[in-house]
C-alpha atoms as a PDB file:
ATOM      1  CA  MET A   1      13.534  26.708 -30.807  1.00  0.00           C
ATOM      2  CA  THR A   2      14.523  23.069 -30.498  1.00  0.00           C
ATOM      3  CA  PRO A   3      13.872  20.831 -27.486  1.00  0.00           C
ATOM      4  CA  HIS A   4      16.429  21.323 -24.730  1.00  0.00           C
ATOM      5  CA  ALA A   5      17.387  17.690 -24.249  1.00  0.00           C
ATOM      6  CA  THR A   6      20.085  16.219 -26.429  1.00  0.00           C
ATOM      7  CA  ASN A   7      18.312  12.878 -26.502  1.00  0.00           C
ATOM      8  CA  ALA A   8      14.953  14.283 -27.594  1.00  0.00           C
ATOM      9  CA  THR A   9      13.282  12.310 -30.339  1.00  0.00           C
ATOM     10  CA  SER A  10      10.242  12.754 -32.527  1.00  0.00           C
ATOM     11  CA  ALA A  11       8.328  10.177 -30.459  1.00  0.00           C
ATOM     12  CA  ALA A  12       5.493  11.585 -28.362  1.00  0.00           C
ATOM     13  CA  ALA A  13       6.033  11.281 -24.634  1.00  0.00           C
ATOM     14  CA  VAL A  14       2.489  12.515 -24.003  1.00  0.00           C
ATOM     15  CA  GLU A  15      -0.249  12.591 -26.606  1.00  0.00           C
ATOM     16  CA  LEU A  16      -3.879  13.696 -26.432  1.00  0.00           C
ATOM     17  CA  ARG A  17      -6.257  12.733 -29.212  1.00  0.00           C
ATOM     18  CA  ALA A  18      -9.574  14.601 -29.400  1.00  0.00           C
ATOM     19  CA  VAL A  19      -9.892  14.594 -25.603  1.00  0.00           C
ATOM     20  CA  THR A  20     -13.063  15.950 -24.031  1.00  0.00           C
ATOM     21  CA  LYS A  21     -14.167  16.248 -20.415  1.00  0.00           C
ATOM     22  CA  SER A  22     -17.653  17.128 -19.238  1.00  0.00           C
ATOM     23  CA  PHE A  23     -19.078  17.541 -15.770  1.00  0.00           C
ATOM     24  CA  GLY A  24     -22.789  16.994 -16.191  1.00  0.00           C
ATOM     25  CA  ARG A  25     -23.848  19.154 -19.125  1.00  0.00           C
ATOM     26  CA  THR A  26     -20.834  21.436 -18.816  1.00  0.00           C
ATOM     27  CA  GLU A  27     -18.042  20.678 -21.263  1.00  0.00           C
ATOM     28  CA  ILE A  28     -14.709  21.821 -19.812  1.00  0.00           C
ATOM     29  CA  ILE A  29     -12.258  20.305 -22.325  1.00  0.00           C
ATOM     30  CA  ARG A  30     -13.403  20.419 -25.921  1.00  0.00           C
ATOM     31  CA  GLY A  31     -11.600  18.104 -28.294  1.00  0.00           C
ATOM     32  CA  VAL A  32      -7.985  18.859 -27.374  1.00  0.00           C
ATOM     33  CA  SER A  33      -5.328  17.144 -29.495  1.00  0.00           C
ATOM     34  CA  LEU A  34      -1.606  17.664 -28.982  1.00  0.00           C
ATOM     35  CA  ALA A  35       1.619  15.658 -28.897  1.00  0.00           C
ATOM     36  CA  VAL A  36       4.544  16.519 -26.612  1.00  0.00           C
ATOM     37  CA  LYS A  37       7.869  15.138 -27.802  1.00  0.00           C
ATOM     38  CA  ALA A  38      10.203  13.304 -25.461  1.00  0.00           C
ATOM     39  CA  GLY A  39      12.583  15.809 -23.890  1.00  0.00           C
ATOM     40  CA  GLU A  40      10.413  18.844 -24.635  1.00  0.00           C
ATOM     41  CA  ARG A  41       9.400  21.547 -22.197  1.00  0.00           C
ATOM     42  CA  VAL A  42       5.817  22.651 -22.815  1.00  0.00           C
ATOM     43  CA  ALA A  43       3.951  25.424 -20.999  1.00  0.00           C
ATOM     44  CA  ILE A  44       0.150  25.453 -20.896  1.00  0.00           C
ATOM     45  CA  ILE A  45      -1.285  28.951 -20.619  1.00  0.00           C
ATOM     46  CA  GLY A  46      -4.707  30.539 -20.791  1.00  0.00           C
ATOM     47  CA  PRO A  47      -7.178  32.666 -18.832  1.00  0.00           C
ATOM     48  CA  ASN A  48      -8.718  31.530 -15.554  1.00  0.00           C
ATOM     49  CA  GLY A  49     -11.355  28.898 -16.234  1.00  0.00           C
ATOM     50  CA  ALA A  50      -9.740  27.819 -19.512  1.00  0.00           C
ATOM     51  CA  GLY A  51      -9.441  24.202 -18.327  1.00  0.00           C
ATOM     52  CA  LYS A  52      -5.694  24.060 -17.643  1.00  0.00           C
ATOM     53  CA  SER A  53      -5.948  22.292 -14.285  1.00  0.00           C
ATOM     54  CA  THR A  54      -8.602  19.953 -15.671  1.00  0.00           C
ATOM     55  CA  LEU A  55      -6.242  19.029 -18.494  1.00  0.00           C
ATOM     56  CA  PHE A  56      -3.499  18.281 -15.952  1.00  0.00           C
ATOM     57  CA  ASN A  57      -5.932  16.180 -13.931  1.00  0.00           C
ATOM     58  CA  LEU A  58      -6.835  14.187 -17.040  1.00  0.00           C
ATOM     59  CA  ILE A  59      -3.217  13.507 -17.952  1.00  0.00           C
ATOM     60  CA  SER A  60      -2.279  12.501 -14.389  1.00  0.00           C
ATOM     61  CA  GLY A  61      -5.360  10.330 -13.858  1.00  0.00           C
ATOM     62  CA  ARG A  62      -7.317  12.311 -11.279  1.00  0.00           C
ATOM     63  CA  PHE A  63     -10.121  12.482 -13.860  1.00  0.00           C
ATOM     64  CA  GLY A  64     -10.959  10.135 -16.677  1.00  0.00           C
ATOM     65  CA  PRO A  65     -11.727  11.645 -20.088  1.00  0.00           C
ATOM     66  CA  THR A  66     -15.311  11.740 -21.292  1.00  0.00           C
ATOM     67  CA  SER A  67     -14.043  10.844 -24.747  1.00  0.00           C
ATOM     68  CA  GLY A  68     -10.789  10.709 -26.662  1.00  0.00           C
ATOM     69  CA  ASP A  69      -7.447   9.056 -25.917  1.00  0.00           C
ATOM     70  CA  ILE A  70      -4.486   9.972 -23.700  1.00  0.00           C
ATOM     71  CA  LEU A  71      -1.194   8.181 -24.309  1.00  0.00           C
ATOM     72  CA  LEU A  72       2.050   8.046 -22.317  1.00  0.00           C
ATOM     73  CA  HIS A  73       4.968   6.897 -24.479  1.00  0.00           C
ATOM     74  CA  GLY A  74       2.439   5.365 -26.864  1.00  0.00           C
ATOM     75  CA  ARG A  75       0.511   3.499 -24.169  1.00  0.00           C
ATOM     76  CA  PRO A  76      -3.144   4.462 -23.518  1.00  0.00           C
ATOM     77  CA  ILE A  77      -3.552   5.755 -19.944  1.00  0.00           C
ATOM     78  CA  GLY A  78      -6.988   7.385 -20.077  1.00  0.00           C
ATOM     79  CA  GLY A  79      -8.997   5.970 -17.169  1.00  0.00           C
ATOM     80  CA  LEU A  80      -6.000   4.527 -15.290  1.00  0.00           C
ATOM     81  CA  LYS A  81      -5.618   5.400 -11.619  1.00  0.00           C
ATOM     82  CA  PRO A  82      -3.033   8.050 -10.664  1.00  0.00           C
ATOM     83  CA  TYR A  83      -0.676   5.543  -9.030  1.00  0.00           C
ATOM     84  CA  GLU A  84      -0.780   3.361 -12.160  1.00  0.00           C
ATOM     85  CA  ILE A  85       0.154   6.338 -14.316  1.00  0.00           C
ATOM     86  CA  ASN A  86       2.885   7.273 -11.857  1.00  0.00           C
ATOM     87  CA  ARG A  87       4.380   3.785 -12.097  1.00  0.00           C
ATOM     88  CA  ALA A  88       4.295   4.120 -15.883  1.00  0.00           C
ATOM     89  CA  GLY A  89       6.640   7.113 -15.612  1.00  0.00           C
ATOM     90  CA  LEU A  90       4.635  10.298 -15.000  1.00  0.00           C
ATOM     91  CA  SER A  91       4.736  12.418 -11.847  1.00  0.00           C
ATOM     92  CA  ARG A  92       3.104  15.742 -10.984  1.00  0.00           C
ATOM     93  CA  SER A  93       3.088  18.512  -8.420  1.00  0.00           C
ATOM     94  CA  PHE A  94       0.050  20.487  -7.266  1.00  0.00           C
ATOM     95  CA  GLN A  95      -0.826  24.157  -6.738  1.00  0.00           C
ATOM     96  CA  VAL A  96      -1.512  23.531  -3.047  1.00  0.00           C
ATOM     97  CA  SER A  97       1.352  22.400  -0.816  1.00  0.00           C
ATOM     98  CA  ASN A  98       1.353  18.641  -0.310  1.00  0.00           C
ATOM     99  CA  LEU A  99       4.157  18.258   2.247  1.00  0.00           C
ATOM    100  CA  PHE A 100       4.400  16.453   5.576  1.00  0.00           C
ATOM    101  CA  GLY A 101       5.045  19.553   7.633  1.00  0.00           C
ATOM    102  CA  ARG A 102       6.176  17.763  10.795  1.00  0.00           C
ATOM    103  CA  LEU A 103       8.625  15.503   8.988  1.00  0.00           C
ATOM    104  CA  SER A 104      12.107  16.618   8.056  1.00  0.00           C
ATOM    105  CA  VAL A 105      13.120  17.566   4.533  1.00  0.00           C
ATOM    106  CA  PHE A 106      15.018  14.272   4.297  1.00  0.00           C
ATOM    107  CA  GLU A 107      12.007  12.266   5.500  1.00  0.00           C
ATOM    108  CA  ASN A 108       9.674  13.944   2.996  1.00  0.00           C
ATOM    109  CA  ILE A 109      11.878  12.889   0.093  1.00  0.00           C
ATOM    110  CA  ARG A 110      12.398   9.416   1.535  1.00  0.00           C
ATOM    111  CA  CYS A 111       8.643   8.869   1.895  1.00  0.00           C
ATOM    112  CA  ALA A 112       8.243   9.646  -1.805  1.00  0.00           C
ATOM    113  CA  LEU A 113      10.976   7.168  -2.668  1.00  0.00           C
ATOM    114  CA  LEU A 114       9.869   4.211  -0.554  1.00  0.00           C
ATOM    115  CA  TRP A 115       6.985   3.230  -2.782  1.00  0.00           C
ATOM    116  CA  ALA A 116       8.740   4.210  -5.999  1.00  0.00           C
ATOM    117  CA  MET A 117      11.703   1.956  -5.173  1.00  0.00           C
ATOM    118  CA  GLY A 118       9.590  -1.039  -4.166  1.00  0.00           C
ATOM    119  CA  HIS A 119       9.841  -0.940  -0.358  1.00  0.00           C
ATOM    120  CA  ARG A 120       6.117  -1.358   0.162  1.00  0.00           C
ATOM    121  CA  TYR A 121       6.103  -3.417   3.350  1.00  0.00           C
ATOM    122  CA  GLU A 122       8.986  -1.744   5.151  1.00  0.00           C
ATOM    123  CA  PHE A 123       7.551   1.728   5.367  1.00  0.00           C
ATOM    124  CA  TRP A 124       8.258   2.239   9.067  1.00  0.00           C
ATOM    125  CA  LYS A 125      10.718  -0.633   9.641  1.00  0.00           C
ATOM    126  CA  PHE A 126      14.500  -0.355   9.575  1.00  0.00           C
ATOM    127  CA  LEU A 127      14.506   2.736   7.360  1.00  0.00           C
ATOM    128  CA  SER A 128      18.114   3.459   8.259  1.00  0.00           C
ATOM    129  CA  ASN A 129      19.083   0.127   6.653  1.00  0.00           C
ATOM    130  CA  LEU A 130      17.558   0.956   3.273  1.00  0.00           C
ATOM    131  CA  ARG A 131      20.795   2.174   1.733  1.00  0.00           C
ATOM    132  CA  ASP A 132      19.425   2.509  -1.802  1.00  0.00           C
ATOM    133  CA  VAL A 133      16.580   4.731  -0.615  1.00  0.00           C
ATOM    134  CA  ASN A 134      18.777   6.819   1.662  1.00  0.00           C
ATOM    135  CA  ASP A 135      21.446   7.296  -1.002  1.00  0.00           C
ATOM    136  CA  ARG A 136      18.873   8.347  -3.578  1.00  0.00           C
ATOM    137  CA  THR A 137      17.316  10.735  -1.030  1.00  0.00           C
ATOM    138  CA  GLU A 138      20.671  12.432  -0.549  1.00  0.00           C
ATOM    139  CA  GLN A 139      21.048  12.749  -4.327  1.00  0.00           C
ATOM    140  CA  VAL A 140      17.655  14.444  -4.661  1.00  0.00           C
ATOM    141  CA  LEU A 141      18.464  16.847  -1.824  1.00  0.00           C
ATOM    142  CA  GLU A 142      21.619  17.848  -3.676  1.00  0.00           C
ATOM    143  CA  GLN A 143      19.642  18.333  -6.886  1.00  0.00           C
ATOM    144  CA  ILE A 144      17.148  20.697  -5.257  1.00  0.00           C
ATOM    145  CA  HIS A 145      19.828  22.465  -3.191  1.00  0.00           C
ATOM    146  CA  LEU A 146      18.272  21.565   0.164  1.00  0.00           C
ATOM    147  CA  HIS A 147      21.006  19.257   1.480  1.00  0.00           C
ATOM    148  CA  ARG A 148      21.901  21.831   4.132  1.00  0.00           C
ATOM    149  CA  LYS A 149      18.280  21.810   5.316  1.00  0.00           C
ATOM    150  CA  ARG A 150      17.969  18.014   5.353  1.00  0.00           C
ATOM    151  CA  ASP A 151      17.098  17.834   9.065  1.00  0.00           C
ATOM    152  CA  HIS A 152      14.790  20.862   9.169  1.00  0.00           C
ATOM    153  CA  LEU A 153      11.049  20.311   9.475  1.00  0.00           C
ATOM    154  CA  ALA A 154       9.268  21.001   6.197  1.00  0.00           C
ATOM    155  CA  MET A 155       6.915  23.413   7.967  1.00  0.00           C
ATOM    156  CA  ASN A 156       9.884  25.621   8.907  1.00  0.00           C
ATOM    157  CA  LEU A 157      11.171  26.113   5.369  1.00  0.00           C
ATOM    158  CA  THR A 158      10.613  29.333   3.458  1.00  0.00           C
ATOM    159  CA  TYR A 159       7.875  29.310   0.848  1.00  0.00           C
ATOM    160  CA  ALA A 160      10.375  28.996  -2.015  1.00  0.00           C
ATOM    161  CA  GLU A 161      12.161  26.158  -0.199  1.00  0.00           C
ATOM    162  CA  GLN A 162       8.859  24.339   0.294  1.00  0.00           C
ATOM    163  CA  ARG A 163       8.179  24.623  -3.423  1.00  0.00           C
ATOM    164  CA  ALA A 164      11.651  23.243  -4.121  1.00  0.00           C
ATOM    165  CA  LEU A 165      10.921  20.337  -1.778  1.00  0.00           C
ATOM    166  CA  GLU A 166       7.695  19.658  -3.658  1.00  0.00           C
ATOM    167  CA  VAL A 167       9.670  19.519  -6.893  1.00  0.00           C
ATOM    168  CA  GLY A 168      12.078  17.114  -5.201  1.00  0.00           C
ATOM    169  CA  ILE A 169       9.196  14.862  -4.209  1.00  0.00           C
ATOM    170  CA  THR A 170       7.887  15.018  -7.780  1.00  0.00           C
ATOM    171  CA  ILE A 171      11.185  13.998  -9.388  1.00  0.00           C
ATOM    172  CA  ALA A 172      12.308  11.578  -6.646  1.00  0.00           C
ATOM    173  CA  GLY A 173      10.977   8.439  -8.297  1.00  0.00           C
ATOM    174  CA  GLY A 174      12.790   9.104 -11.567  1.00  0.00           C
ATOM    175  CA  SER A 175       9.718   9.655 -13.756  1.00  0.00           C
ATOM    176  CA  SER A 176      10.511  10.592 -17.337  1.00  0.00           C
ATOM    177  CA  VAL A 177       7.495  12.947 -17.614  1.00  0.00           C
ATOM    178  CA  ILE A 178       7.053  15.725 -15.048  1.00  0.00           C
ATOM    179  CA  LEU A 179       3.950  17.905 -14.608  1.00  0.00           C
ATOM    180  CA  LEU A 180       4.365  21.096 -12.554  1.00  0.00           C
ATOM    181  CA  ASP A 181       1.219  23.050 -11.695  1.00  0.00           C
ATOM    182  CA  GLU A 182       1.997  26.775 -11.273  1.00  0.00           C
ATOM    183  CA  PRO A 183       5.433  26.129  -9.759  1.00  0.00           C
ATOM    184  CA  THR A 184       6.410  29.801  -9.305  1.00  0.00           C
ATOM    185  CA  ALA A 185       3.080  31.106  -7.985  1.00  0.00           C
ATOM    186  CA  GLY A 186       3.543  33.460  -5.041  1.00  0.00           C
ATOM    187  CA  MET A 187       7.278  33.951  -5.524  1.00  0.00           C
ATOM    188  CA  SER A 188       9.200  37.190  -5.790  1.00  0.00           C
ATOM    189  CA  LYS A 189      11.139  38.018  -8.962  1.00  0.00           C
ATOM    190  CA  SER A 190      14.443  36.869  -7.481  1.00  0.00           C
ATOM    191  CA  GLU A 191      12.903  33.665  -6.122  1.00  0.00           C
ATOM    192  CA  THR A 192      11.269  32.997  -9.490  1.00  0.00           C
ATOM    193  CA  SER A 193      14.554  33.433 -11.334  1.00  0.00           C
ATOM    194  CA  ARG A 194      16.339  30.958  -9.057  1.00  0.00           C
ATOM    195  CA  PHE A 195      13.439  28.525  -9.198  1.00  0.00           C
ATOM    196  CA  VAL A 196      13.305  28.518 -12.991  1.00  0.00           C
ATOM    197  CA  GLN A 197      16.985  27.608 -13.019  1.00  0.00           C
ATOM    198  CA  LEU A 198      16.239  24.773 -10.588  1.00  0.00           C
ATOM    199  CA  ILE A 199      13.458  23.502 -12.875  1.00  0.00           C
ATOM    200  CA  ARG A 200      15.850  23.545 -15.822  1.00  0.00           C
ATOM    201  CA  GLU A 201      18.402  21.535 -13.861  1.00  0.00           C
ATOM    202  CA  VAL A 202      16.124  18.863 -12.420  1.00  0.00           C
ATOM    203  CA  THR A 203      14.162  18.292 -15.645  1.00  0.00           C
ATOM    204  CA  GLU A 204      17.200  18.031 -17.908  1.00  0.00           C
ATOM    205  CA  GLY A 205      16.625  15.027 -20.183  1.00  0.00           C
ATOM    206  CA  LYS A 206      12.998  14.718 -19.071  1.00  0.00           C
ATOM    207  CA  THR A 207       9.709  15.820 -20.587  1.00  0.00           C
ATOM    208  CA  LEU A 208       8.122  18.766 -18.787  1.00  0.00           C
ATOM    209  CA  LEU A 209       4.570  20.090 -18.886  1.00  0.00           C
ATOM    210  CA  THR A 210       3.841  23.096 -16.738  1.00  0.00           C
ATOM    211  CA  VAL A 211       0.851  25.338 -16.103  1.00  0.00           C
ATOM    212  CA  GLU A 212       2.186  28.836 -15.525  1.00  0.00           C
ATOM    213  CA  HIS A 213       0.825  32.402 -15.400  1.00  0.00           C
ATOM    214  CA  ASP A 214       4.136  34.257 -15.335  1.00  0.00           C
ATOM    215  CA  MET A 215       4.830  35.056 -18.982  1.00  0.00           C
ATOM    216  CA  GLY A 216       8.501  35.684 -18.247  1.00  0.00           C
ATOM    217  CA  VAL A 217       8.774  32.109 -17.008  1.00  0.00           C
ATOM    218  CA  VAL A 218       6.747  30.761 -19.912  1.00  0.00           C
ATOM    219  CA  PHE A 219       8.744  32.447 -22.660  1.00  0.00           C
ATOM    220  CA  GLY A 220      12.059  31.787 -20.941  1.00  0.00           C
ATOM    221  CA  LEU A 221      11.508  28.106 -20.176  1.00  0.00           C
ATOM    222  CA  ALA A 222       9.243  26.527 -22.772  1.00  0.00           C
ATOM    223  CA  ASP A 223      10.212  24.960 -26.095  1.00  0.00           C
ATOM    224  CA  ARG A 224       6.561  25.163 -27.115  1.00  0.00           C
ATOM    225  CA  ILE A 225       3.468  26.784 -25.653  1.00  0.00           C
ATOM    226  CA  ALA A 226      -0.090  25.419 -25.656  1.00  0.00           C
ATOM    227  CA  VAL A 227      -2.753  28.117 -25.392  1.00  0.00           C
ATOM    228  CA  LEU A 228      -6.032  26.898 -23.929  1.00  0.00           C
ATOM    229  CA  VAL A 229      -9.124  29.128 -24.127  1.00  0.00           C
ATOM    230  CA  TYR A 230     -12.580  27.957 -23.018  1.00  0.00           C
ATOM    231  CA  GLY A 231     -11.421  24.346 -23.134  1.00  0.00           C
ATOM    232  CA  GLU A 232     -10.158  24.520 -26.717  1.00  0.00           C
ATOM    233  CA  LEU A 233      -6.567  24.474 -27.936  1.00  0.00           C
ATOM    234  CA  LEU A 234      -6.153  27.829 -29.636  1.00  0.00           C
ATOM    235  CA  ALA A 235      -2.462  27.390 -30.512  1.00  0.00           C
ATOM    236  CA  PHE A 236       0.436  25.012 -29.907  1.00  0.00           C
ATOM    237  CA  ASP A 237       3.707  26.366 -31.214  1.00  0.00           C
ATOM    238  CA  THR A 238       7.070  27.916 -30.376  1.00  0.00           C
ATOM    239  CA  PRO A 239       7.125  30.957 -28.064  1.00  0.00           C
ATOM    240  CA  GLU A 240       7.912  33.253 -30.999  1.00  0.00           C
ATOM    241  CA  ALA A 241       5.014  31.957 -33.077  1.00  0.00           C
ATOM    242  CA  VAL A 242       2.588  32.089 -30.152  1.00  0.00           C
ATOM    243  CA  ARG A 243       3.591  35.653 -29.300  1.00  0.00           C
ATOM    244  CA  ALA A 244       2.943  36.708 -32.916  1.00  0.00           C
ATOM    245  CA  ASN A 245      -0.352  34.797 -33.293  1.00  0.00           C
ATOM    246  CA  PRO A 246      -3.195  37.328 -33.775  1.00  0.00           C
ATOM    247  CA  ARG A 247      -5.815  34.949 -32.362  1.00  0.00           C
ATOM    248  CA  VAL A 248      -3.767  34.422 -29.199  1.00  0.00           C
ATOM    249  CA  GLN A 249      -3.182  38.160 -28.873  1.00  0.00           C
ATOM    250  CA  GLU A 250      -6.884  38.848 -29.146  1.00  0.00           C
ATOM    251  CA  ALA A 251      -8.076  36.056 -26.873  1.00  0.00           C
ATOM    252  CA  TYR A 252      -5.487  36.174 -24.115  1.00  0.00           C
ATOM    253  CA  LEU A 253      -1.882  37.210 -24.528  1.00  0.00           C
ATOM    254  CA  GLY A 254      -2.359  40.866 -25.429  1.00  0.00           C
ATOM    255  CA  SER A 255      -4.094  41.747 -22.172  1.00  0.00           C
ATOM    256  CA  VAL A 256      -1.686  39.660 -20.088  1.00  0.00           C
ATOM    257  CA  LEU A 257       1.405  41.315 -21.541  1.00  0.00           C
ATOM    258  CA  ALA A 258      -0.183  44.747 -21.181  1.00  0.00           C
ATOM    259  CA  ASP A 259      -0.917  44.071 -17.502  1.00  0.00           C
ATOM    260  CA  ALA A 260       2.641  42.848 -16.960  1.00  0.00           C
ATOM    261  CA  GLN A 261       4.112  45.949 -18.580  1.00  0.00           C
ATOM    262  CA  ALA A 262       1.844  48.211 -16.508  1.00  0.00           C
ATOM    263  CA  ALA A 263       2.923  46.446 -13.320  1.00  0.00           C
ATOM    264  CA  GLU A 264       6.596  46.852 -14.219  1.00  0.00           C
ATOM    265  CA  ALA A 265       6.058  50.563 -14.898  1.00  0.00           C
ATOM    266  CA  HIS A 266       4.859  51.040 -11.330  1.00  0.00           C
END
């Protein structure tokens, strides 16, 4: 399978070189090396406790690596603060909802845009006059199909709509690299199907890394799959190659697919 974006190149958008992360004496990430090409969609999978969220936190700057290098478009970012990495072109969502529930859908997106578009000292002043911000907000609402809910409070949206709003906040600033942490968790099959299509649309031409447990989503969305087990990278390859990998089958994928098939049978 080739990367989805027509402008994908061989250059690494995100690269990890022998990255480790320890908390005290406990080593969570153990020498992970991988390179994600610009325009690629990569899914990170693995059992609970494999270190997937820790890896996301390292890439997005919530944690600094214990050793090794992390690069964004060739620039070292290991140890930078999250807002510095965001300004360099990387944005992420979180497992737990991070919305302003008592603000409207429009206001949630606009808040995300104010800093990204340089309006640092006008946060609560003359917002209606910031045409560039307001126009871009309307564009994002169209992208995530929430323009009809623009004036609704975020707290009154359905769960799937709240997740869509979170994606909108993540992409609002125009970052070229997007990290989505379990974006379809808690959704029904029909919601998941629609949401995967939304992810495809809003990340077109961008680099996507996602942590995901739904194997249907993983194999339907990803150009390549990284399998993390006990903090080590067990495989990083196309969906077909990962599915056929005996080590992956033994360590993780066999039991997951068996559970999924058993659930479908019932």
